[in-house]
Protein backbone atom coordinates (compact mmCIF):
# COMPACT_ATOMS: atom_id res chain seq x y z
CA MET A 1 -0.16 -0.41 0.04
CA ARG A 2 1.50 3.15 -1.29
CA PHE A 3 0.33 7.24 -0.06
CA ARG A 4 1.43 9.98 -1.93
CA VAL A 5 1.86 13.01 0.80
CA ASP A 6 1.76 16.84 0.12
CA LEU A 7 3.56 18.17 3.01
CA SER A 8 3.20 21.86 1.86
CA SER A 9 -0.03 22.16 3.94
CA ALA A 10 1.93 20.64 6.67
CA THR A 11 2.19 23.38 9.90
CA PRO A 12 5.22 23.24 10.55
CA ARG A 13 6.63 21.78 13.71
CA ARG A 14 9.36 22.94 16.04
CA SER A 15 12.56 20.34 16.13
CA SER A 16 14.67 20.21 19.33
CA ALA A 17 18.20 20.77 18.60
CA HIS A 18 19.36 16.44 19.41
CA ASP A 19 16.47 15.72 16.90
CA VAL A 20 18.17 18.14 13.91
CA LEU A 21 21.69 17.00 15.26
CA GLU A 22 20.76 13.63 14.65
CA ASN A 23 19.22 13.60 11.60
CA GLY A 24 21.30 16.15 9.46
CA SER A 25 18.77 18.78 9.18
CA PHE A 26 15.06 19.82 9.73
CA SER A 27 13.84 17.74 6.99
CA ASN A 28 15.32 14.79 7.93
CA ALA A 29 14.17 15.22 11.31
CA ARG A 30 10.61 15.89 10.51
CA LEU A 31 10.45 13.32 8.43
CA SER A 32 12.06 10.87 11.39
CA SER A 33 8.94 11.96 13.99
CA LEU A 34 6.54 11.08 10.84
CA SER A 35 8.14 7.90 10.40
CA THR A 36 8.16 7.13 14.14
CA ARG A 37 4.71 8.31 14.60
CA LEU A 38 3.59 6.18 11.98
CA ARG A 39 4.84 3.38 13.49
CA ASP A 40 3.92 3.42 16.94
CA ALA A 41 0.27 3.90 15.71
CA LEU A 42 0.77 0.72 12.47
CA GLY A 43 2.05 -1.40 15.01
CA SER A 44 1.93 -5.12 14.79
CA ARG A 45 -0.74 -4.07 11.41
CA VAL A 46 2.42 -3.49 9.37
CA LYS A 47 5.52 -5.42 8.75
CA ALA A 48 7.44 -2.83 6.82
CA LEU A 49 7.17 0.54 6.69
CA SER A 50 8.73 2.94 4.22
CA ILE A 51 9.49 7.11 4.01
CA LEU A 52 10.86 7.71 0.35
CA HIS A 53 11.18 11.01 -1.25
CA ARG A 54 13.59 12.74 -4.04
CA SER A 55 17.31 13.28 -3.54
CA THR A 56 18.15 16.55 -2.08
CA GLN A 57 18.72 19.13 -5.22
CA GLN A 58 22.01 21.03 -5.88
CA ARG A 59 21.41 24.17 -3.99
CA ALA A 60 23.52 27.38 -3.70
CA LEU A 61 26.44 27.75 -1.07
CA SER A 62 24.34 30.15 0.39
CA GLU A 63 21.48 28.06 1.22
CA ALA A 64 22.79 26.53 4.66
CA LEU A 65 19.79 23.93 5.16
CA PRO A 66 18.90 21.23 2.07
CA THR A 67 15.55 22.05 0.62
CA THR A 68 12.83 20.15 2.53
CA PRO A 69 10.89 17.70 0.05
CA SER A 70 7.14 18.79 -0.61
CA THR A 71 6.31 15.47 -1.63
CA VAL A 72 6.84 12.08 0.12
CA PHE A 73 5.57 8.82 -0.97
CA ILE A 74 4.85 6.38 2.46
CA GLY A 75 4.69 2.49 1.60
CA LEU A 76 3.19 -0.35 4.23
CA ILE A 77 4.31 -3.29 3.45
CA LEU A 78 0.86 -5.07 5.32
CA ASP A 79 0.19 -7.89 8.26
CA GLN A 80 -2.84 -10.29 6.51
CA GLU A 81 -3.61 -11.24 10.09
CA HIS A 82 -3.51 -7.69 12.00
CA ALA A 83 -3.95 -5.44 9.26
CA PHE A 84 -7.74 -4.86 9.46
CA ARG A 85 -8.25 -5.37 12.68
CA LEU A 86 -11.14 -2.75 13.88
CA VAL A 87 -10.04 -2.71 17.44
CA ASP A 88 -6.56 -1.21 18.85
CA HIS A 89 -5.94 -2.07 22.66
CA GLY A 90 -4.25 -0.27 24.83
CA PRO A 91 -3.14 -0.39 28.72
CA ALA A 92 -6.20 -0.99 31.28
CA ALA A 93 -7.57 1.81 32.90
CA VAL A 94 -6.38 2.53 36.69
CA GLU A 95 -7.36 5.04 38.59
CA ALA A 96 -4.04 7.07 38.44
CA PRO A 97 -2.93 7.88 35.02
CA SER A 98 0.32 6.21 33.58
CA PRO A 99 2.81 7.55 31.46
CA THR A 100 1.78 4.22 29.47
CA THR A 101 -1.70 5.47 29.00
CA GLU A 102 -0.75 9.38 28.61
CA ALA A 103 1.12 8.16 25.64
CA PHE A 104 -1.45 6.46 24.31
CA ARG A 105 -4.00 9.26 24.72
CA GLU A 106 -1.36 11.54 23.15
CA LEU A 107 -0.77 9.09 20.01
CA TRP A 108 -4.37 9.12 19.52
CA GLY A 109 -6.28 12.04 19.83
CA ASN A 110 -10.07 12.33 20.59
CA LYS A 111 -10.09 8.95 19.15
CA ALA A 112 -8.62 7.30 22.61
CA GLU A 113 -11.56 6.29 24.74
CA LEU A 114 -12.11 4.22 27.72
CA ARG A 115 -14.22 0.42 26.59
CA ARG A 116 -15.29 -2.10 28.30
CA PHE A 117 -14.98 -5.41 26.50
CA GLN A 118 -17.10 -8.78 26.99
CA ASP A 119 -14.20 -10.80 29.07
CA GLY A 120 -15.32 -7.44 31.51
CA SER A 121 -12.05 -5.88 30.84
CA ILE A 122 -11.42 -2.14 31.16
CA THR A 123 -8.86 -0.85 28.81
CA GLU A 124 -8.23 2.30 26.78
CA SER A 125 -9.22 1.76 22.85
CA VAL A 126 -9.68 2.71 19.37
CA VAL A 127 -12.29 2.10 17.69
CA TRP A 128 -12.56 2.02 13.93
CA GLU A 129 -16.07 2.11 12.57
CA VAL A 130 -16.53 0.61 9.36
CA ARG A 131 -20.04 0.07 7.38
CA ASP A 132 -19.19 -3.23 4.81
CA SER A 133 -15.81 -5.37 4.37
CA ASP A 134 -15.14 -2.81 1.76
CA GLU A 135 -14.36 0.01 3.86
CA ARG A 136 -12.46 -2.57 6.47
CA THR A 137 -9.92 -2.21 3.78
CA HIS A 138 -9.58 0.85 4.10
CA ILE A 139 -7.99 1.35 8.19
CA PRO A 140 -4.81 1.30 7.65
CA ALA A 141 -4.72 4.09 5.31
CA MET A 142 -7.75 5.62 8.48
CA ILE A 143 -4.74 5.45 10.47
CA VAL A 144 -2.11 6.91 8.59
CA ARG A 145 -4.82 9.77 7.75
CA HIS A 146 -5.58 10.45 11.30
CA ILE A 147 -2.29 10.66 12.21
CA LEU A 148 -0.98 13.00 10.05
CA ASP A 149 -3.29 15.36 10.90
CA LEU A 150 -3.42 15.47 14.57
CA HIS A 151 0.32 15.35 15.03
CA PHE A 152 1.39 17.19 11.38
CA GLY A 153 -1.12 19.09 10.74
CA ILE A 154 -1.53 17.57 6.98
CA ARG A 155 -5.00 17.58 6.16
CA GLY A 156 -7.00 14.40 4.18
CA ASP A 157 -6.63 16.14 0.99
CA SER A 158 -3.07 15.97 0.89
CA VAL A 159 -2.89 12.64 0.84
CA SER A 160 -3.56 10.02 -1.82
CA SER A 161 -3.49 6.46 -2.95
CA TRP A 162 -4.73 4.45 -5.33
CA GLN A 163 -7.19 2.69 -2.84
CA SER A 164 -9.93 5.41 -3.47
CA GLY A 165 -9.92 5.37 -7.22
CA PHE A 166 -9.85 0.88 -7.33
CA ASP A 167 -12.69 1.24 -4.55
CA ALA A 168 -15.16 3.35 -7.16
CA LEU A 169 -14.93 1.04 -10.01
CA LEU A 170 -16.69 -2.12 -7.58
CA ARG A 171 -19.31 0.68 -6.14
CA LEU A 172 -22.78 1.75 -8.04
CA PRO A 173 -23.01 4.97 -8.54
CA PRO A 174 -24.51 7.18 -5.29
CA SER A 175 -27.67 8.50 -7.54
CA ILE A 176 -28.50 4.75 -7.87
CA ALA A 177 -27.39 2.89 -5.10
CA SER A 178 -28.70 5.26 -2.70
CA GLN A 179 -32.29 3.27 -4.26
CA TYR A 180 -31.78 -0.06 -2.79
CA ARG A 181 -33.42 -0.81 0.07
CA ALA A 182 -30.81 -3.35 1.52
CA SER A 183 -27.33 -3.90 -0.41
CA GLY A 184 -24.08 -5.79 0.25
CA PHE A 185 -22.91 -9.57 0.36
CA LYS A 186 -23.72 -9.87 4.01
CA ALA A 187 -27.26 -9.36 3.85
CA ALA A 188 -27.75 -11.15 0.89
CA LEU A 189 -25.79 -14.71 2.91
CA THR A 190 -28.87 -13.36 5.19
CA ALA A 191 -31.62 -13.72 2.62
CA PHE A 192 -30.31 -16.58 1.38
CA GLN A 193 -30.37 -18.22 5.01
CA LYS A 194 -33.60 -17.15 5.65
CA LEU A 195 -35.48 -18.80 2.36
CA THR A 196 -33.12 -22.25 3.51
CA SER A 197 -34.93 -22.06 6.76
CA SER A 198 -38.26 -20.89 4.75
CA ILE A 199 -38.30 -24.12 2.89
CA LYS A 200 -36.85 -26.60 4.90
CA THR A 201 -39.63 -25.35 7.11
CA ILE A 202 -42.32 -26.10 4.56
CA SER A 203 -40.48 -29.37 3.64
CA THR A 204 -42.53 -31.12 5.56
CA ALA A 205 -45.95 -30.47 2.53
CA LEU A 206 -43.56 -32.34 0.04
CA PRO A 207 -43.64 -36.12 -0.90
CA LEU A 208 -39.38 -35.84 -0.11
CA ALA A 209 -37.58 -34.37 2.40
CA VAL A 210 -35.00 -31.59 1.64
CA VAL A 211 -31.37 -32.51 2.36
CA ASN A 212 -29.28 -29.53 1.21
CA ILE A 213 -29.88 -25.74 -0.29
CA SER A 214 -26.35 -25.44 -1.85
CA PRO A 215 -25.55 -21.45 -3.61
CA VAL A 216 -23.27 -21.53 -6.68
CA ALA A 217 -23.63 -18.18 -7.19
CA PRO A 218 -20.63 -15.24 -6.83
CA GLU A 219 -22.78 -13.38 -4.84
CA LEU A 220 -22.88 -15.24 -2.33
CA ARG A 221 -18.90 -16.09 -2.42
CA TYR A 222 -17.94 -12.43 -2.43
CA THR A 223 -16.72 -12.15 -5.78
CA SER A 224 -19.49 -10.86 -7.63
CA VAL A 225 -18.51 -7.53 -9.51
CA PHE A 226 -20.80 -4.97 -7.99
CA ALA A 227 -22.86 -5.68 -4.10
CA PRO A 228 -26.06 -7.69 -4.50
CA VAL A 229 -28.71 -6.02 -4.14
CA SER A 230 -32.77 -6.21 -3.30
CA VAL A 231 -35.47 -4.58 -5.11
CA PRO A 232 -38.27 -4.51 -3.28
CA ALA A 233 -41.50 -5.05 -5.03
CA ARG A 234 -43.32 -2.07 -3.57
CA ALA A 235 -40.38 0.36 -4.50
CA ALA A 236 -39.51 -0.68 -8.04
CA PRO A 237 -42.39 1.40 -9.64
CA THR A 238 -40.85 4.40 -7.82
CA LEU A 239 -36.67 3.40 -9.42
CA PRO A 240 -35.97 4.41 -12.65
CA LEU A 241 -36.06 1.50 -15.57
CA CYS A 242 -32.03 0.63 -15.05
CA SER A 243 -32.47 -0.06 -11.85
CA ARG A 244 -34.82 -2.35 -11.63
CA TYR A 245 -33.11 -4.86 -12.12
CA VAL A 246 -31.47 -7.25 -9.69
CA PRO A 247 -29.50 -10.40 -10.91
CA LEU A 248 -30.67 -14.32 -9.79
CA ILE A 249 -29.16 -15.65 -7.19
CA SER A 250 -28.55 -19.62 -7.95
CA LEU A 251 -28.83 -22.31 -6.05
CA ASN A 252 -29.41 -25.82 -5.60
CA LEU A 253 -31.41 -28.16 -3.83
CA GLU A 254 -31.00 -31.64 -3.22
CA PHE A 255 -33.65 -34.11 -1.90
CA GLU A 256 -33.39 -37.52 0.12
CA LYS A 257 -32.78 -40.02 -1.79
CA SER A 258 -35.77 -42.34 -2.92
CA ALA A 259 -36.72 -45.31 -5.19
CA ARG A 260 -40.24 -42.94 -6.24
CA TRP A 261 -38.42 -41.39 -9.13
CA PRO A 262 -38.74 -42.37 -12.20
CA ASP A 263 -36.02 -44.25 -14.34
CA ASP A 264 -37.10 -42.61 -17.15
CA LEU A 265 -34.97 -38.90 -18.30
CA VAL A 266 -37.86 -36.93 -19.50
CA ALA A 267 -39.58 -38.13 -16.63
CA ILE A 268 -37.04 -36.87 -14.22
CA GLN A 269 -37.42 -33.66 -15.97
CA LYS A 270 -41.31 -33.62 -15.44
CA MET A 271 -41.19 -34.62 -12.17
CA LYS A 272 -38.59 -31.59 -11.29
CA MET A 273 -40.71 -28.82 -12.59
CA ALA A 274 -43.86 -30.84 -10.49
CA PHE A 275 -41.73 -30.42 -7.59
CA MET A 276 -40.93 -26.92 -7.95
CA GLU A 277 -44.25 -25.85 -8.11
CA ARG A 278 -45.29 -27.58 -4.99
CA ILE A 279 -42.80 -25.60 -3.67
CA ALA A 280 -43.63 -22.68 -5.04
CA GLN A 281 -46.81 -22.83 -3.72
CA ALA A 282 -45.94 -23.77 -0.10
CA LEU A 283 -44.00 -20.80 -0.61
CA THR A 284 -46.03 -18.66 -1.51
CA GLU A 285 -48.77 -19.97 1.00
CA ASP A 286 -46.29 -19.30 4.15
CA MET A 287 -44.36 -16.81 3.46
CA PRO A 288 -46.21 -12.92 2.98
CA GLY A 289 -45.25 -10.97 -0.03
CA LEU A 290 -42.67 -14.05 -1.75
CA LEU A 291 -43.28 -14.73 -5.36
CA ALA A 292 -42.46 -17.98 -7.09
CA ARG A 293 -42.74 -19.26 -9.94
CA VAL A 294 -41.60 -21.70 -12.71
CA ALA A 295 -39.65 -20.73 -15.67
CA ILE A 296 -38.47 -22.10 -18.37
CA VAL A 297 -34.86 -21.31 -19.05
CA SER A 298 -33.94 -24.20 -21.46
CA PRO A 299 -33.31 -22.19 -25.18
CA THR A 300 -35.85 -23.71 -28.05
CA GLY A 301 -34.73 -27.08 -29.35
CA THR A 302 -33.28 -28.20 -26.38
CA LEU A 303 -33.64 -31.92 -26.19
CA PRO A 304 -36.61 -32.72 -22.95
CA THR A 305 -33.98 -35.07 -21.45
CA THR A 306 -31.80 -32.36 -20.41
CA GLU A 307 -32.56 -29.36 -17.81
CA GLN A 308 -35.42 -26.96 -18.62
CA ALA A 309 -36.62 -24.96 -15.83
CA GLN A 310 -35.74 -23.36 -12.49
CA LEU A 311 -38.04 -22.28 -9.73
CA GLU A 312 -37.62 -18.29 -9.23
CA ILE A 313 -38.17 -17.24 -5.81
CA THR A 314 -38.43 -13.09 -5.37
CA THR A 315 -38.63 -12.67 -1.32
CA ALA A 316 -40.58 -9.34 0.49
CA ASP A 317 -37.30 -7.78 0.60
CA GLY A 318 -36.39 -7.39 -2.60
CA TRP A 319 -33.95 -10.86 -2.81
CA ALA A 320 -34.21 -12.98 -6.07
CA PHE A 321 -32.99 -16.57 -6.52
CA ALA A 322 -33.42 -19.18 -8.69
CA LEU A 323 -33.47 -22.82 -7.81
CA ARG A 324 -32.72 -25.73 -9.63
CA ILE A 325 -33.17 -29.60 -8.01
CA TRP A 326 -30.27 -32.14 -7.90
CA HIS A 327 -31.53 -35.70 -8.42
CA ASP A 328 -27.65 -37.60 -8.45
CA ARG A 329 -29.89 -40.72 -10.74
CA GLU A 330 -29.85 -38.55 -13.60
CA ALA A 331 -25.94 -39.19 -13.91
CA THR A 332 -26.43 -43.31 -13.89
CA LEU A 333 -29.06 -43.00 -16.46
CA LEU A 334 -26.91 -40.39 -18.86
CA ASP A 335 -24.14 -42.92 -18.67
CA ARG A 336 -26.00 -46.15 -19.18
CA ILE A 337 -26.26 -44.88 -22.08
CA LEU A 338 -22.53 -43.55 -22.94
CA HIS A 339 -20.92 -46.82 -22.14
CA SER A 340 -23.92 -48.99 -23.96
CA PRO A 341 -22.96 -50.75 -27.04
CA PRO A 342 -22.53 -48.68 -30.19
CA ALA A 343 -25.29 -49.72 -31.79
CA ALA A 344 -27.36 -49.40 -28.98
CA TYR A 345 -27.53 -45.66 -29.33
CA SER A 346 -27.48 -43.17 -32.40
CA PRO A 347 -24.36 -40.80 -32.92
CA ASN A 348 -26.81 -37.92 -32.73
CA ASP A 349 -27.93 -39.39 -29.36
CA LEU A 350 -24.90 -40.18 -27.54
CA GLU A 351 -23.38 -36.70 -28.69
CA ASN A 352 -26.90 -34.89 -26.99
CA ALA A 353 -26.01 -37.60 -23.48
CA ARG A 354 -22.78 -35.97 -23.92
CA ILE A 355 -23.75 -32.43 -23.94
CA ALA A 356 -26.03 -33.32 -20.98
CA ARG A 357 -24.39 -35.94 -18.45
CA ARG A 358 -21.33 -32.75 -19.32
CA SER A 359 -23.79 -29.88 -18.35
CA TYR A 360 -25.01 -31.88 -15.03
CA THR A 361 -21.75 -32.18 -14.08
CA ARG A 362 -21.04 -28.55 -14.34
CA ARG A 363 -23.70 -27.62 -12.71
CA PHE A 364 -24.31 -29.91 -9.49
CA ILE A 365 -21.18 -31.91 -9.56
CA ALA A 366 -18.09 -29.14 -9.93
CA ALA A 367 -20.17 -25.73 -9.47
CA PRO A 368 -21.21 -26.42 -5.57
CA ARG A 369 -17.65 -27.50 -4.99
CA HIS A 370 -16.36 -24.72 -6.71
CA HIS A 371 -18.65 -22.13 -4.70
CA ARG A 372 -17.21 -24.01 -1.18
CA ALA A 373 -13.76 -23.59 -2.74
CA VAL A 374 -13.33 -19.62 -3.42
CA ALA A 375 -16.03 -18.97 -0.49
CA THR A 376 -13.21 -20.47 2.10
CA LEU A 377 -9.90 -18.59 -0.40
CA HIS A 378 -11.86 -15.02 0.54
CA HIS A 379 -12.23 -16.15 3.91
CA GLN A 380 -8.53 -16.92 4.36
CA PHE A 381 -6.98 -14.03 1.80
CA THR A 382 -8.70 -10.36 2.85
CA ALA A 383 -7.66 -9.10 -0.54
CA PHE A 384 -8.48 -12.40 -2.69
CA GLY A 385 -12.92 -11.23 -2.85
CA GLY A 386 -12.06 -7.94 -3.88
CA THR A 387 -9.35 -9.09 -6.46
CA VAL A 388 -11.70 -11.48 -8.50
CA ARG A 389 -14.08 -8.15 -8.45
CA LEU A 390 -11.42 -6.28 -10.02
CA VAL A 391 -9.96 -8.60 -12.55
CA LYS A 392 -14.10 -9.38 -13.45
CA ARG A 393 -14.38 -5.70 -14.15
CA TRP A 394 -11.34 -5.33 -16.24
CA LEU A 395 -12.43 -8.28 -18.46
CA ALA A 396 -15.77 -6.84 -18.32
CA ALA A 397 -14.48 -3.79 -19.25
CA HIS A 398 -13.30 -5.28 -22.58
CA TRP A 399 -16.24 -6.98 -23.34
CA LEU A 400 -14.73 -10.36 -22.27
CA LEU A 401 -16.25 -11.41 -18.69
CA ARG A 402 -19.06 -14.69 -19.81
CA LEU A 403 -18.41 -14.09 -23.37
CA HIS A 404 -14.93 -15.57 -23.35
CA VAL A 405 -14.00 -15.91 -20.02
CA SER A 406 -16.25 -17.08 -17.63
CA GLU A 407 -16.40 -16.16 -13.80
CA GLU A 408 -14.77 -19.77 -12.60
CA ALA A 409 -12.05 -19.11 -14.66
CA VAL A 410 -11.54 -15.91 -13.14
CA GLU A 411 -11.92 -17.07 -9.31
CA ILE A 412 -9.69 -19.84 -10.48
CA ILE A 413 -7.04 -17.63 -11.92
CA CYS A 414 -7.42 -15.30 -8.98
CA ALA A 415 -6.77 -18.27 -6.94
CA ALA A 416 -3.40 -19.19 -8.31
CA VAL A 417 -2.03 -15.64 -7.03
CA PHE A 418 -3.01 -16.53 -3.89
CA ALA A 419 -3.38 -20.03 -3.33
CA GLY A 420 -0.60 -20.82 -5.49
CA VAL A 421 1.91 -18.91 -3.70
CA GLY A 422 0.91 -19.56 0.15
CA SER A 423 -0.28 -17.31 2.69
CA VAL A 424 3.40 -15.58 3.03
CA ARG A 425 4.08 -14.28 -0.45
CA ALA A 426 -0.21 -13.64 -1.20
CA PRO A 427 -1.07 -9.93 -1.68
CA ASN A 428 -2.66 -8.25 1.10
CA THR A 429 -4.22 -5.43 -1.11
CA ARG A 430 -6.57 -6.15 -3.72
CA GLU A 431 -5.02 -3.64 -5.89
CA ARG A 432 -1.74 -5.19 -5.41
CA GLY A 433 -3.69 -8.47 -5.71
CA PHE A 434 -5.02 -7.35 -9.29
CA GLY A 435 -2.18 -6.03 -10.55
CA CYS A 436 -0.02 -9.33 -9.53
CA VAL A 437 -3.20 -11.38 -11.87
CA ILE A 438 -2.83 -9.01 -14.30
CA ARG A 439 1.15 -9.87 -14.46
CA LEU A 440 0.15 -13.66 -14.47
CA LEU A 441 -2.06 -13.12 -17.40
CA SER A 442 0.91 -11.03 -19.91
CA ASP A 443 3.07 -13.68 -18.88
CA TRP A 444 0.93 -16.61 -19.34
CA ASP A 445 1.02 -18.80 -22.52
CA GLY A 446 -3.11 -20.11 -22.66
CA SER A 447 -1.86 -22.70 -24.91
CA GLU A 448 0.20 -24.32 -21.85
CA GLY A 449 -1.88 -25.06 -19.40
CA MET A 450 -2.14 -23.86 -15.52
CA THR A 451 -1.93 -25.95 -12.43
CA VAL A 452 -3.88 -24.18 -8.99
CA PRO A 453 -3.95 -25.45 -5.35
CA LEU A 454 -7.49 -24.76 -5.37
CA TYR A 455 -9.19 -27.94 -3.22
CA ALA A 456 -8.21 -28.63 0.06
CA ALA A 457 -7.85 -32.61 1.38
CA SER A 458 -10.82 -32.13 3.63
CA ASP A 459 -13.15 -30.85 1.22
CA PRO A 460 -16.21 -33.01 0.78
CA GLY A 461 -17.25 -34.09 -3.22
CA PRO A 462 -15.86 -36.81 -5.37
CA ASP A 463 -11.61 -36.93 -6.15
CA THR A 464 -12.06 -36.32 -9.91
CA TYR A 465 -14.10 -35.63 -12.56
CA SER A 466 -14.27 -35.86 -15.99
CA SER A 467 -13.41 -32.81 -18.34
CA SER A 468 -12.36 -34.03 -21.71
CA ALA A 469 -10.87 -31.60 -24.27
CA ALA A 470 -12.67 -33.71 -26.55
CA GLY A 471 -14.98 -31.09 -29.11
CA ALA A 472 -13.56 -28.03 -26.52
CA LYS A 473 -13.14 -25.25 -28.88
CA GLY A 474 -12.08 -23.44 -25.69
CA VAL A 475 -8.00 -23.52 -25.79
CA TRP A 476 -6.91 -22.77 -21.84
CA SER A 477 -6.88 -25.50 -19.50
CA LEU A 478 -7.59 -24.65 -15.77
CA LYS A 479 -6.01 -27.85 -13.72
CA THR A 480 -7.24 -28.73 -10.12
CA GLU A 481 -7.37 -31.78 -8.09
CA ALA A 482 -10.78 -32.33 -8.90
CA ASP A 483 -10.28 -31.35 -12.28
CA PRO A 484 -7.09 -32.92 -13.67
CA ASP A 485 -8.11 -32.12 -17.20
CA GLY A 486 -9.07 -28.10 -17.17
CA PHE A 487 -11.55 -28.12 -19.41
CA MET A 488 -14.36 -27.45 -16.59
CA TRP A 489 -14.73 -23.69 -17.20
CA THR A 490 -13.32 -23.17 -20.47
CA LEU A 491 -14.50 -25.80 -23.18
CA ASP A 492 -16.23 -23.35 -25.12
CA ALA A 493 -14.58 -20.35 -24.44
CA PRO A 494 -11.91 -18.46 -24.46
CA ASP A 495 -10.99 -19.46 -28.40
CA VAL A 496 -7.54 -18.20 -29.48
CA VAL A 497 -8.50 -15.58 -30.68
CA GLY A 498 -10.04 -14.84 -27.33
CA ALA A 499 -7.08 -16.21 -25.71
CA ARG A 500 -4.44 -13.87 -27.53
CA ARG A 501 -7.13 -10.97 -27.01
CA VAL A 502 -6.29 -11.29 -22.97
CA ARG A 503 -3.06 -11.75 -22.83
CA ALA A 504 -2.66 -8.59 -25.16
CA LEU A 505 -4.67 -6.49 -22.95
CA ALA A 506 -2.97 -7.24 -19.66
CA GLN A 507 0.88 -6.83 -21.57
CA ALA A 508 -0.74 -2.97 -22.50
CA THR A 509 -2.07 -2.79 -18.63
CA HIS A 510 1.12 -4.41 -16.97
CA ALA A 511 3.01 -2.00 -19.24
CA TYR A 512 1.00 1.37 -17.99
CA LEU A 513 0.97 -0.32 -14.48
CA ARG A 514 4.63 0.01 -14.23
CA GLY A 515 4.65 3.25 -15.91
CA VAL A 516 2.19 4.86 -13.22
CA GLU A 517 3.95 3.30 -10.50
CA SER A 518 7.76 4.67 -11.62
CA GLY A 519 6.05 7.90 -12.37
CA VAL A 520 6.33 7.50 -15.81
CA LEU A 521 3.41 8.34 -16.78
CA ALA A 522 1.03 11.20 -14.79
CA VAL A 523 -2.19 9.65 -15.30
CA SER A 524 -4.00 7.24 -13.64
CA VAL A 525 -5.66 3.29 -14.41
CA SER A 526 -8.66 3.90 -15.81
CA PHE A 527 -12.18 0.91 -16.27
CA SER A 528 -14.35 2.95 -18.08
CA ASP A 529 -17.93 2.79 -19.28
CA SER A 530 -17.58 3.39 -22.73
CA TRP A 531 -13.68 3.81 -24.88
CA THR A 532 -13.28 5.65 -27.90
CA VAL A 533 -10.52 4.30 -29.36
CA SER A 534 -8.62 6.59 -32.77
CA GLN A 535 -7.31 5.04 -35.75
CA PRO A 536 -3.37 3.48 -35.17
CA SER A 537 -1.08 6.45 -36.16
CA SER A 538 2.14 4.45 -36.42
CA PHE A 539 3.60 0.44 -37.00
CA GLU A 540 7.25 -0.58 -35.45
CA ASN A 541 8.89 -2.98 -37.17
CA SER A 542 7.85 -5.68 -34.86
CA GLY A 543 4.31 -5.52 -36.25
CA ARG A 544 3.05 -3.78 -32.46
CA VAL A 545 0.27 -0.68 -33.31
CA LEU A 546 0.92 2.31 -31.87
CA GLY A 547 -2.70 3.71 -30.92
CA TYR A 548 -4.12 6.74 -28.31
CA VAL A 549 -6.62 4.76 -26.04
CA HIS A 550 -9.03 7.36 -23.72
CA SER A 551 -12.38 7.04 -22.05
CA SER A 552 -14.99 9.17 -22.09
CA GLY A 553 -17.42 6.74 -19.63
CA ARG A 554 -17.48 7.26 -15.52
CA GLY A 555 -14.32 6.86 -13.22
CA LEU A 556 -11.32 7.73 -13.53
CA ARG A 557 -9.86 8.79 -16.72
CA PHE A 558 -6.72 8.14 -19.07
CA ARG A 559 -5.43 9.23 -22.56
CA ARG A 560 -2.07 7.65 -23.51
CA LYS A 561 -0.66 5.54 -26.45
CA ALA A 562 -1.17 2.24 -26.44
CA PRO A 563 1.69 -0.33 -27.52
CA THR A 564 -0.23 -3.93 -28.38
CA SER A 565 0.55 -6.49 -30.74
CA CYS A 566 -2.77 -6.87 -31.35
CA ALA A 567 -4.17 -5.47 -35.06
CA PRO A 568 -5.55 -2.74 -36.24
CA ALA A 569 -8.95 -4.20 -36.20
CA VAL A 570 -8.98 -4.75 -33.09
CA PHE A 571 -8.51 -0.95 -31.81
CA SER A 572 -11.52 0.02 -33.97
CA GLU A 573 -13.55 -3.09 -33.26
CA CYS A 574 -14.68 -1.10 -29.34
CA ASN A 575 -14.65 1.89 -31.20
CA SER A 576 -18.47 4.10 -29.94
CA LYS A 577 -19.99 0.90 -28.43
CA PHE A 578 -21.53 0.60 -24.76
CA LEU A 579 -20.44 -1.46 -21.98
CA HIS A 580 -23.01 -2.94 -19.43
CA LEU A 581 -20.01 -3.94 -16.80
CA GLY A 582 -20.44 -6.59 -14.70
CA ARG A 583 -23.81 -7.81 -15.47
């Protein structure tokens, strides 16, 4: 984490003669004091703290001391275990103020207060108020700004970092966010738990008992681009048309095993729809204000033996869920077709069974296990969820998310940066995590498989499942312990063109970020809602294109020459097109 601090607004502070002599100048004495204060305040939250500034410039002999730097950079290496804690504990409360208590109050100023905790202890404390997990990542920045303002008179607007700019990319505009009644990952999880409890309550009215309801949606594993929102039916008419859209949160429902299920694939699908209709009726009667209906979501021409319907549920609070029923007998029947004698079924029937089996494995076997693994990574690594969201936002800005790169594939690639290197070297901020993923994509040749240790040995589920590359259009192979072939989420995309596009954009973005980091480019990184790209201005001998890229959309902006290995047609492909990001 890095901060740029403008010292021109700092209140002049007198330094003792000892400090000046010890550090060589008034300027160095002030920087030493600044470093000491920050180290005392941050404590175990950081592993290292460094203050950098430009070297002293040449000066006339008549000048007695070197000039004071007007700008310094504060760099922090965070300790993931302690960096984002909400409370800083000080000395225990005593009747007579001790030197330790006085030093704690002097360090924190009006932020220090006496607090009683659940164990009965009363201590001097500093509590940082945050509303959600995104704000919690700002606690180190809050501490830096508070200390600089309290002890050095440096106002908050004189301290800048990349963090706020990246945060804006993952938040809905305030004008839209203020319209929603509830939002956030915790609110979505609470709504899911409430719905799960309701379904299990009405299961007594069903022929079979509900065994499990498992989530398979990024909104419930902290990796959706924007935080999930709810739109109650009574509030929808007051919202603009574009704000009434609520993404469906996907769930899988599993009944207890029973021999009463039919032994035919077509009949099983009909039975699922009958169960959905019964669940919808019972939920509507049990929960006033809830809307539930069975929706046929498969495209026209889909075979009747494959999954066709889902139960769409909108709660009274405005949360929307899509529920599908998992029945393990389907896999047995499909495998019976695939392993039957060649003359038993036509080639067309065999291909349809192969497609249905692949869809079944992805939806009911791979997706729940992937969901659990990604949710575990989010809780293990503070920066993981934010990194995934930023990478998805970046891909969406280039029309690549979902169409060319699935959300699960993005999560596995990001897991390679965290789980692949271990907790010691894993990024501690999502901004650094984003940079690491971009570097990985810029260096990785998509034709070479990537092995990611995603699943824990204790994770329940099958040891492996097949994702054969037979008939695959995608060129990426993301191998995990459960998927040794690596094509579960990349079977159809990205193809050769899409993979090359991702790598070219990653290389250009990585070069750009390095330029910003080194100070060569006095601009800020941008993800935008719309892009305008001028025609290439010149060509190098290597065939690389130099074009002017600039953003005219919401968010941070930039305009620079962008060298890439793309053909000229790539630059004009997205010209004057609107991007619907994260949706």
